[in-house]
Amino acid sequence: MKLSLFIKNILAHPLTSIDRIFYNKKRNHFVIMMYHRIIYKDETEIKLQDGMYTNPDTFKKHLEYLKNKFNIVSLQYISSIKPTKNIAADNKPFCSITFDDGWKDFYENAYPILKLYNICATVFLPTDYIGTSRIFWTDKLSNVLQKINCIRNDGMNRKISSNEYVKKIESIHGRIDYMLDTAAEILKSLTIEDIELVIKELAMRWNVDYDIKRKSFLSWDEIHEMHKSGVIYFGSHTKSHHILTTIPEERIQDELAQSKDKLLFENVVTPEFIPFAYPNGNYNDRIAKMVEEAGYNLAVTTEKGWNSVSNNNGGLYKLKRIGIHQDMTSTNAMLACRIYGIY
């Protein structure tokens, strides 16, 4: 564990004594948890960013804590809360649990635990990736950078690239997780097409590939099975996982419409309620309005924090979430501090 996280873990334990006071003050608010992958880090073929995964054992502890401290409800219930409603008659605020991206390990690791505890969750699907062998550009980048890092000192002289983004990424040195985080931030302002070109050039310049043998995403059969359980709900994470602020409005409309149509065709959502999650959390007022006009009933961001019931009706397309991942929430005390907003 990194030193800063070790210190946070030590300091977190005495702070959990304020549970009752904190949650009582939050009874007119609700919180939405944001997970990505439920998997042990050493079980993946690629280097995972720290913010992308939680261990299954840790996730189980999280659910036990959340069930004790919150009323865990669906996003559809969240959307129906009115300011006049007594949101926490038992002094427990409401909480919804969400997962981004539709990773296959959700079915393998998260779903059995959620079913065991009879706790509902919503999974946001990038529909073009579901049931395919495609991988996100971030995973391609991770695979390429790992291989570059292994052969960087091979003694070969390479001309400096004319592509400024390739040049910036090749100038990054250090631990692989630092390289990946820094490179990903550099590329996030580009369209997916331009990002793919950068990764392709990096792979060619260093004579490496980014193949991943194991399928990354859920199949539609797995999704249908989970949908029938009555515990797992689904929503849209666009069609192609484009960062919406990097593409024109016509493409945004296509991403929204085709993803919604696919979810309806597969019968894993109902026309009465379809939630949405912004890829990478990127949105603006115009995009939020487009999501509403496309027929979605709410949208979640990656902005950290609680949501006020009094602002619910006006802010359903800008709902905040709290990102939960292993390095920041490996104990329940650290999870509590994350929920409190201490870090």
Foldseek 3Di string as FASTA:
>chain_A
DDPVLVVLVVVLVVVCVCLLVLLLVCQQWEAEEEAEAADDQVVFPFHDAQLHYAHLVLVLQVVVVCVVQAAEDAVVVVLPQASVDRQCPPSHHYYAYEYEAAWPNCLVRVLVSCLVVVGAHEYAYLAQQAADQDDDLLLFQRQLLVVCLVCVPVVDDDDQDPDVLLNVLVPDDDDSSVSSVVSCVSPLLAWSVVSVVSSVVSCVRSVHGRDDDDRTHHHLVSLVVSLVSVRYAYAHQFNHLIQVVHDDPVVLLVRLQVRVVVCVVSVRDDLVAHEYEHRVQDDDPVSLVSNVVSRHSAYEGAAADIGGSNCSVVHRHYGYHQRDGCSQRVDVSSVVCSHSVVD
